[in-house]
Amino acid sequence: MAERLDTEHEPLNLDPSRPKSFPGSFVSDPAWIFQTAALLFLTAFFYWPLARFLFGSHPLDPDAGFLSGKILLEFLSDSWNLGVIGFSFYQAFLSAALSVFLGLGAAWLQVHYRFPGKRWFRLLTFLPFVLPSIIVVLAMILFYGNNGWINRGLMTLFKTEEPPLQFLYSLGGILIAHVYYNFPIAAKLIGDQWSRLSEDFDRAGRSLGVGSFSRFFNLTLPLLRPSLVSSFILIFLLCMNSFPIILVLGGGIHHTTMEVQIYQLARIELDLESAAVLALLQAFISLNILALLLRTSASLGRPKKIHQLHLLGEMHRGKTSAWIGGLLLVFLMAFTLGPLLAIIIDSLRVFHAGIWKWTLQGYLRLFSPEQGGPFVFAFWNSFRIGVGGALISCLLGMGLSSLILRLKGYGRNTGELLILLPMALSSVVFGISWFHYLQDSGMLEISLDVVLMTVHGILLCPYWVRMILPTMETIPVRWSDESRMLGYGIWEHNLRIVVPWLKSTFLIAFFFSFALSLGELNSTMMIADETVRTLPLEIYAAISAYRFSYASVLAVILLFMSLIALLLMESLLFQEKG
């Protein structure tokens, strides 16, 4: 899915020798107001609240600061805190390694074979990445839980009373959920680079009599190293900052990460000093990981036309590699669709009088006087916050992208890192920062809907920048000169030339941001109160109360909203290629 998300939208190249970008339109002199406004917005609503929380005074004791050397040393001398930090790294490393391994297999399958429904396979295997994380949590419970599909099937098969697989609420559950959520990223990044490798290396290896496995490990794998490293670092960063998955599936205090610990310290124990120390440490770690990610990102060339074998035909001929590909295809479809089907089916049945009955009762209850009000309220909030957050990320991303194009050399590297920091920073930390910012600044009169739109827009802006910036850099420099020769002013040049060129990318980025905003839970939990409910919050509350049928009904609705956004992105990409 979404060839534009990271490939034709290639990773950012930090090489100062890269060609100069288009000097007109968003990068020309009249754009400085737009760029300055975007920079001031990011400073005022991201860096300032964050700095006030980390370095400001304690709201309950204005004379005392959050951070001090003594507090930092006390925090780091606690073996429990060191264990939390260590487990955060450990689970992120394992999650990233497993995700890259599975993503490598999926990339190999998509690059080297053609088969019926390949476009839909690519779309469906990318779906988990745009799903709200709380849906992934529910899917894992219903599919892999003690009473889930897998265990019920095994109990029936082996005629046992106890579920054979009891790994969900442990490290195993965390890993399988993280792999489910993140392997599409690895498959996308690795597959994009693989499709750009010349087949000359492989042909040369075959002519020398080198076997297929030896060619893969000695030729292909080293050539794929940039995408393997980039995808590993990106997934490691995302898993370090994972929140709902570990909060629900961690199974207890032994599987606490920095993200969950910050939430517990700040919102449950009200230990703001320790929360600030841990948040600062996590921000420092995330900033360095992000810098490493940008350093390892490399430009991709044009896709090569790779000869693809027909999977079914090769299997019919008895080719071992084709049979491996066929089994991998079946596994990936079951791994991706199985948990989602579990949610859909669970929403369509109830357990009554010892048997399961098919019914639409769960959906009909959404419009009853008892449950209809909360559902409509949550649905409307999710939709408008999603649209508002996507629009803010669009405007902010355009201003900051054009600002990045102005910068050169080290200034560009530093500016890019600071602009992309919201992607790496814990959204729980950002939500807590905003919570205290609202209290300290007397801004409680502002609607929380507007606050959440702003927070979502800032958190989504880095994704928007990484999608739109490469396309902006493809605008030929000569277009600006030709526009001036035709007598076009800057605004006419934008409307006639630049906007049509970027329109598809804008829309794809908008729908992608909308899908991510729909499922944003971390910062929302920190800020929202009973006056603002969203579908992810309702699903989390239902899971906590073991109301899985109600959670499944809400999850199906949220799932289809995300799927519609994904289909719109795919449609735009298909039209553009056509």
Foldseek 3Di string as FASTA:
>chain_A
DQLLLDFLLDFDAQPLPPDAFACFFCQDDVNVVLLVVLVVLCCVQFVVLLCCLQFAADPVDRVHTLDDPVLLVVQVVDVLNVLQAVLLLVLLLLLLVLLLVLLVLLLVLLQAADEPPSVVLLLLLLLLQLAFLLLLLLLCCQDVNFPHDVQVVVCVVVVDDGRPDHPQLASVVLSLSLSSNQSSVSNSLLNSQLLQDDCPQVVVCVVVVHDPVCCCVPPVVVSSVLSSVLSSLLSSLCSSQDDPSCVPRNNDSSNHHLNPVLCCCCPPVVVSSSSSSSQVVQLVVLLVSLLVSSNSGDHHDDGDDDDHYHLVVCVVVVDPVSVVSVVSSVVSCCSRCVSLVSLVQLLQWDQDPNDIDGHNVLVVCCCDPVNVVVNVQQAVLLQVLLLLLLVLLLSSLSSLLSVLSNDGNPVSSVSLSVLLSLQSRRLLSSLLSVQVVCVVVVVPVDDVSNVSSSSLNSSLNNSLNSSQNSLSRPPDNCLVVVCVVVVDDSVRSCVPPVCVSCVLSSLLSSLSSSSNSSSDDNSCVSHDDPVHHHLNNVLVVCVVVVVSNNSSVSSVVSSVSSVVSSVVNVVSVVVVVD
